[in-house]
All heavy atoms as atom14 arrays in JSON, in Angstrom:
{
  "sequence": "RKKESLKFLNPNNCSIFTAHPVYSTCIGN",
  "atom14_mask": [
    [1, 1, 1, 1, 1, 1, 1, 1, 1, 1, 1, 0, 0, 0],
    [1, 1, 1, 1, 1, 1, 1, 1, 1, 0, 0, 0, 0, 0],
    [1, 1, 1, 1, 1, 1, 1, 1, 1, 0, 0, 0, 0, 0],
    [1, 1, 1, 1, 1, 1, 1, 1, 1, 0, 0, 0, 0, 0],
    [1, 1, 1, 1, 1, 1, 0, 0, 0, 0, 0, 0, 0, 0],
    [1, 1, 1, 1, 1, 1, 1, 1, 0, 0, 0, 0, 0, 0],
    [1, 1, 1, 1, 1, 1, 1, 1, 1, 0, 0, 0, 0, 0],
    [1, 1, 1, 1, 1, 1, 1, 1, 1, 1, 1, 0, 0, 0],
    [1, 1, 1, 1, 1, 1, 1, 1, 0, 0, 0, 0, 0, 0],
    [1, 1, 1, 1, 1, 1, 1, 1, 0, 0, 0, 0, 0, 0],
    [1, 1, 1, 1, 1, 1, 1, 0, 0, 0, 0, 0, 0, 0],
    [1, 1, 1, 1, 1, 1, 1, 1, 0, 0, 0, 0, 0, 0],
    [1, 1, 1, 1, 1, 1, 1, 1, 0, 0, 0, 0, 0, 0],
    [1, 1, 1, 1, 1, 1, 0, 0, 0, 0, 0, 0, 0, 0],
    [1, 1, 1, 1, 1, 1, 0, 0, 0, 0, 0, 0, 0, 0],
    [1, 1, 1, 1, 1, 1, 1, 1, 0, 0, 0, 0, 0, 0],
    [1, 1, 1, 1, 1, 1, 1, 1, 1, 1, 1, 0, 0, 0],
    [1, 1, 1, 1, 1, 1, 1, 0, 0, 0, 0, 0, 0, 0],
    [1, 1, 1, 1, 1, 0, 0, 0, 0, 0, 0, 0, 0, 0],
    [1, 1, 1, 1, 1, 1, 1, 1, 1, 1, 0, 0, 0, 0],
    [1, 1, 1, 1, 1, 1, 1, 0, 0, 0, 0, 0, 0, 0],
    [1, 1, 1, 1, 1, 1, 1, 0, 0, 0, 0, 0, 0, 0],
    [1, 1, 1, 1, 1, 1, 1, 1, 1, 1, 1, 1, 0, 0],
    [1, 1, 1, 1, 1, 1, 0, 0, 0, 0, 0, 0, 0, 0],
    [1, 1, 1, 1, 1, 1, 1, 0, 0, 0, 0, 0, 0, 0],
    [1, 1, 1, 1, 1, 1, 0, 0, 0, 0, 0, 0, 0, 0],
    [1, 1, 1, 1, 1, 1, 1, 1, 0, 0, 0, 0, 0, 0],
    [1, 1, 1, 1, 0, 0, 0, 0, 0, 0, 0, 0, 0, 0],
    [1, 1, 1, 1, 1, 1, 1, 1, 0, 0, 0, 0, 0, 0]
  ],
  "atom14_positions": [
    [[-5.13, 2.18, 20.28], [-4.55, 2.19, 21.65], [-5.33, 1.13, 22.51], [-4.82, 0.51, 23.33], [-4.5, 3.41, 22.32], [-3.38, 4.45, 21.65], [-3.27, 5.69, 22.65], [-2.26, 6.58, 22.12], [-2.36, 7.55, 21.29], [-3.55, 7.73, 20.75], [-1.28, 8.22, 20.78], [0.0, 0.0, 0.0], [0.0, 0.0, 0.0], [0.0, 0.0, 0.0]],
    [[-6.55, 0.93, 22.13], [-7.51, 0.03, 22.93], [-7.25, -1.43, 22.58], [-7.72, -2.27, 23.3], [-8.91, 0.42, 22.74], [-9.31, 1.81, 23.28], [-10.75, 2.08, 22.83], [-11.13, 3.57, 23.27], [-12.46, 3.87, 22.87], [0.0, 0.0, 0.0], [0.0, 0.0, 0.0], [0.0, 0.0, 0.0], [0.0, 0.0, 0.0], [0.0, 0.0, 0.0]],
    [[-6.79, -1.68, 21.34], [-6.76, -3.04, 20.81], [-5.46, -3.78, 21.23], [-4.38, -3.44, 20.79], [-6.8, -3.03, 19.38], [-8.1, -2.25, 18.82], [-9.37, -2.94, 19.08], [-10.55, -2.27, 18.38], [-11.84, -2.89, 18.68], [0.0, 0.0, 0.0], [0.0, 0.0, 0.0], [0.0, 0.0, 0.0], [0.0, 0.0, 0.0], [0.0, 0.0, 0.0]],
    [[-5.65, -4.81, 21.93], [-4.49, -5.73, 22.31], [-3.86, -6.36, 21.15], [-2.67, -6.45, 21.11], [-4.9, -6.8, 23.37], [-3.93, -7.84, 23.65], [-2.7, -7.25, 24.39], [-2.86, -6.08, 25.0], [-1.63, -7.87, 24.26], [0.0, 0.0, 0.0], [0.0, 0.0, 0.0], [0.0, 0.0, 0.0], [0.0, 0.0, 0.0], [0.0, 0.0, 0.0]],
    [[-4.68, -6.69, 20.19], [-4.01, -7.24, 18.83], [-3.31, -6.24, 18.1], [-2.5, -6.75, 17.17], [-5.25, -7.76, 17.94], [-6.14, -6.65, 17.57], [0.0, 0.0, 0.0], [0.0, 0.0, 0.0], [0.0, 0.0, 0.0], [0.0, 0.0, 0.0], [0.0, 0.0, 0.0], [0.0, 0.0, 0.0], [0.0, 0.0, 0.0], [0.0, 0.0, 0.0]],
    [[-3.3, -5.06, 18.4], [-2.4, -4.05, 17.82], [-1.36, -3.49, 18.51], [-0.89, -2.34, 18.32], [-3.36, -2.94, 17.34], [-4.62, -3.15, 16.4], [-5.39, -1.89, 16.31], [-4.12, -3.68, 15.01], [0.0, 0.0, 0.0], [0.0, 0.0, 0.0], [0.0, 0.0, 0.0], [0.0, 0.0, 0.0], [0.0, 0.0, 0.0], [0.0, 0.0, 0.0]],
    [[-0.79, -4.39, 19.35], [0.19, -3.89, 20.29], [1.62, -3.58, 19.42], [2.34, -2.8, 20.01], [0.59, -5.04, 21.26], [1.12, -6.39, 20.69], [1.42, -7.39, 21.78], [2.22, -8.65, 21.2], [2.4, -9.54, 22.25], [0.0, 0.0, 0.0], [0.0, 0.0, 0.0], [0.0, 0.0, 0.0], [0.0, 0.0, 0.0], [0.0, 0.0, 0.0]],
    [[1.85, -4.06, 18.29], [2.95, -3.78, 17.46], [2.85, -2.55, 16.68], [3.62, -1.98, 15.99], [3.34, -4.91, 16.61], [4.06, -6.07, 17.36], [3.27, -7.34, 17.37], [5.07, -5.91, 18.15], [3.81, -8.33, 18.09], [5.6, -7.0, 18.88], [5.04, -8.32, 18.92], [0.0, 0.0, 0.0], [0.0, 0.0, 0.0], [0.0, 0.0, 0.0]],
    [[1.52, -2.12, 16.52], [1.13, -0.88, 15.73], [1.13, 0.35, 16.52], [0.38, 0.5, 17.42], [-0.34, -1.17, 14.96], [-0.73, -0.07, 14.09], [0.24, 0.11, 12.93], [-2.13, -0.27, 13.64], [0.0, 0.0, 0.0], [0.0, 0.0, 0.0], [0.0, 0.0, 0.0], [0.0, 0.0, 0.0], [0.0, 0.0, 0.0], [0.0, 0.0, 0.0]],
    [[1.94, 1.2, 16.23], [2.25, 2.42, 16.94], [1.2, 3.41, 16.56], [1.2, 3.93, 15.39], [3.68, 3.05, 16.8], [3.84, 4.39, 17.41], [3.22, 4.65, 18.47], [4.66, 5.2, 16.86], [0.0, 0.0, 0.0], [0.0, 0.0, 0.0], [0.0, 0.0, 0.0], [0.0, 0.0, 0.0], [0.0, 0.0, 0.0], [0.0, 0.0, 0.0]],
    [[0.27, 3.95, 17.4], [-0.79, 4.88, 16.83], [-0.29, 6.1, 16.28], [-0.89, 6.72, 15.5], [-1.41, 5.2, 18.25], [-1.07, 4.0, 19.19], [0.25, 3.7, 18.79], [0.0, 0.0, 0.0], [0.0, 0.0, 0.0], [0.0, 0.0, 0.0], [0.0, 0.0, 0.0], [0.0, 0.0, 0.0], [0.0, 0.0, 0.0], [0.0, 0.0, 0.0]],
    [[0.99, 6.62, 16.81], [1.48, 7.8, 16.24], [1.86, 7.74, 14.8], [2.1, 8.71, 14.07], [2.6, 8.25, 17.0], [2.25, 8.77, 18.51], [1.08, 9.13, 18.62], [3.08, 8.5, 19.4], [0.0, 0.0, 0.0], [0.0, 0.0, 0.0], [0.0, 0.0, 0.0], [0.0, 0.0, 0.0], [0.0, 0.0, 0.0], [0.0, 0.0, 0.0]],
    [[1.93, 6.46, 14.21], [2.2, 6.31, 12.81], [0.96, 6.1, 11.95], [0.96, 5.91, 10.77], [3.12, 5.03, 12.57], [4.59, 5.36, 12.64], [4.97, 6.58, 12.67], [5.35, 4.48, 12.61], [0.0, 0.0, 0.0], [0.0, 0.0, 0.0], [0.0, 0.0, 0.0], [0.0, 0.0, 0.0], [0.0, 0.0, 0.0], [0.0, 0.0, 0.0]],
    [[-0.26, 6.17, 12.63], [-1.54, 6.01, 12.03], [-2.15, 7.25, 11.72], [-2.25, 8.2, 12.65], [-2.5, 5.14, 13.01], [-1.85, 3.65, 13.31], [0.0, 0.0, 0.0], [0.0, 0.0, 0.0], [0.0, 0.0, 0.0], [0.0, 0.0, 0.0], [0.0, 0.0, 0.0], [0.0, 0.0, 0.0], [0.0, 0.0, 0.0], [0.0, 0.0, 0.0]],
    [[-2.59, 7.53, 10.49], [-3.14, 8.84, 10.16], [-3.92, 8.67, 9.02], [-3.71, 7.74, 8.08], [-2.16, 9.81, 9.86], [-2.63, 11.05, 9.39], [0.0, 0.0, 0.0], [0.0, 0.0, 0.0], [0.0, 0.0, 0.0], [0.0, 0.0, 0.0], [0.0, 0.0, 0.0], [0.0, 0.0, 0.0], [0.0, 0.0, 0.0], [0.0, 0.0, 0.0]],
    [[-5.08, 9.45, 8.88], [-5.91, 9.42, 7.73], [-5.41, 10.28, 6.58], [-5.88, 10.33, 5.55], [-7.39, 9.67, 8.08], [-7.46, 11.16, 8.68], [-8.02, 8.67, 8.96], [-8.99, 11.56, 8.81], [0.0, 0.0, 0.0], [0.0, 0.0, 0.0], [0.0, 0.0, 0.0], [0.0, 0.0, 0.0], [0.0, 0.0, 0.0], [0.0, 0.0, 0.0]],
    [[-4.3, 11.11, 6.92], [-3.8, 11.97, 6.07], [-2.71, 11.52, 5.11], [-2.7, 11.86, 3.98], [-3.13, 13.19, 6.85], [-4.08, 14.01, 7.66], [-4.09, 13.78, 9.04], [-4.96, 14.92, 7.12], [-4.97, 14.51, 9.82], [-5.71, 15.7, 7.82], [-5.84, 15.44, 9.24], [0.0, 0.0, 0.0], [0.0, 0.0, 0.0], [0.0, 0.0, 0.0]],
    [[-1.96, 10.51, 5.66], [-0.96, 9.86, 4.9], [-0.92, 8.34, 5.03], [-1.38, 7.78, 6.05], [0.41, 10.34, 5.34], [0.6, 10.15, 6.68], [0.56, 11.9, 5.19], [0.0, 0.0, 0.0], [0.0, 0.0, 0.0], [0.0, 0.0, 0.0], [0.0, 0.0, 0.0], [0.0, 0.0, 0.0], [0.0, 0.0, 0.0], [0.0, 0.0, 0.0]],
    [[-0.29, 7.74, 4.0], [-0.16, 6.27, 4.11], [0.87, 5.89, 5.22], [1.82, 6.58, 5.42], [0.27, 5.72, 2.72], [0.0, 0.0, 0.0], [0.0, 0.0, 0.0], [0.0, 0.0, 0.0], [0.0, 0.0, 0.0], [0.0, 0.0, 0.0], [0.0, 0.0, 0.0], [0.0, 0.0, 0.0], [0.0, 0.0, 0.0], [0.0, 0.0, 0.0]],
    [[0.72, 4.66, 5.66], [1.62, 4.27, 6.69], [2.93, 3.97, 5.99], [2.93, 3.43, 4.8], [1.09, 2.91, 7.43], [1.83, 2.51, 8.63], [3.15, 1.84, 8.51], [1.7, 2.65, 9.9], [3.53, 1.55, 9.74], [2.68, 2.01, 10.58], [0.0, 0.0, 0.0], [0.0, 0.0, 0.0], [0.0, 0.0, 0.0], [0.0, 0.0, 0.0]],
    [[4.11, 4.03, 6.62], [5.39, 3.76, 5.98], [5.5, 2.46, 5.37], [6.4, 2.18, 4.43], [6.5, 4.1, 7.1], [5.81, 4.98, 8.03], [4.37, 4.71, 8.01], [0.0, 0.0, 0.0], [0.0, 0.0, 0.0], [0.0, 0.0, 0.0], [0.0, 0.0, 0.0], [0.0, 0.0, 0.0], [0.0, 0.0, 0.0], [0.0, 0.0, 0.0]],
    [[4.72, 1.49, 6.01], [4.85, 0.01, 5.46], [4.44, 0.12, 3.95], [4.99, -0.59, 3.15], [3.68, -0.81, 6.21], [3.49, -2.09, 5.35], [4.28, -1.24, 7.63], [0.0, 0.0, 0.0], [0.0, 0.0, 0.0], [0.0, 0.0, 0.0], [0.0, 0.0, 0.0], [0.0, 0.0, 0.0], [0.0, 0.0, 0.0], [0.0, 0.0, 0.0]],
    [[3.58, 0.98, 3.69], [3.12, 1.11, 2.2], [3.89, 2.23, 1.42], [4.22, 2.17, 0.28], [1.58, 1.32, 2.05], [0.79, 0.19, 2.47], [0.03, 0.09, 3.6], [0.78, -1.0, 1.59], [-0.7, -1.1, 3.98], [0.11, -2.07, 1.9], [-0.76, -2.12, 3.17], [-1.47, -3.25, 3.37], [0.0, 0.0, 0.0], [0.0, 0.0, 0.0]],
    [[4.04, 3.42, 2.03], [4.64, 4.51, 1.39], [6.06, 4.22, 0.9], [6.49, 4.86, 0.1], [4.56, 5.84, 2.22], [5.42, 5.62, 3.46], [0.0, 0.0, 0.0], [0.0, 0.0, 0.0], [0.0, 0.0, 0.0], [0.0, 0.0, 0.0], [0.0, 0.0, 0.0], [0.0, 0.0, 0.0], [0.0, 0.0, 0.0], [0.0, 0.0, 0.0]],
    [[6.81, 3.35, 1.59], [8.11, 3.13, 1.3], [8.3, 2.0, 0.16], [9.24, 1.77, -0.44], [8.9, 2.37, 2.45], [8.08, 1.36, 2.98], [9.18, 3.45, 3.5], [0.0, 0.0, 0.0], [0.0, 0.0, 0.0], [0.0, 0.0, 0.0], [0.0, 0.0, 0.0], [0.0, 0.0, 0.0], [0.0, 0.0, 0.0], [0.0, 0.0, 0.0]],
    [[7.09, 1.58, -0.38], [7.03, 0.68, -1.68], [7.2, 1.43, -2.82], [7.57, 0.77, -3.83], [5.8, -0.16, -1.67], [5.44, -1.25, -0.31], [0.0, 0.0, 0.0], [0.0, 0.0, 0.0], [0.0, 0.0, 0.0], [0.0, 0.0, 0.0], [0.0, 0.0, 0.0], [0.0, 0.0, 0.0], [0.0, 0.0, 0.0], [0.0, 0.0, 0.0]],
    [[7.03, 2.72, -2.79], [7.19, 3.62, -4.02], [6.68, 3.07, -5.28], [7.33, 3.01, -6.39], [8.73, 3.83, -4.11], [9.43, 4.02, -2.84], [9.1, 5.07, -5.1], [10.96, 4.18, -2.96], [0.0, 0.0, 0.0], [0.0, 0.0, 0.0], [0.0, 0.0, 0.0], [0.0, 0.0, 0.0], [0.0, 0.0, 0.0], [0.0, 0.0, 0.0]],
    [[5.41, 2.58, -5.19], [4.66, 2.17, -6.34], [5.17, 0.89, -6.95], [4.65, 0.58, -8.07], [0.0, 0.0, 0.0], [0.0, 0.0, 0.0], [0.0, 0.0, 0.0], [0.0, 0.0, 0.0], [0.0, 0.0, 0.0], [0.0, 0.0, 0.0], [0.0, 0.0, 0.0], [0.0, 0.0, 0.0], [0.0, 0.0, 0.0], [0.0, 0.0, 0.0]],
    [[5.99, 0.07, -6.23], [6.5, -1.12, -6.85], [5.43, -2.27, -6.55], [5.24, -2.51, -5.37], [7.93, -1.5, -6.18], [8.47, -2.8, -6.81], [7.8, -3.76, -6.98], [9.71, -2.69, -7.21], [0.0, 0.0, 0.0], [0.0, 0.0, 0.0], [0.0, 0.0, 0.0], [0.0, 0.0, 0.0], [0.0, 0.0, 0.0], [0.0, 0.0, 0.0]]
  ]
}
């Protein structure tokens, strides 16, 4: 939330528990 460069990155999609959908939707391809 503090980084201006991360304005397109929604903090609520960031977690150390799971991969971000950018990667998880690749389904190992």
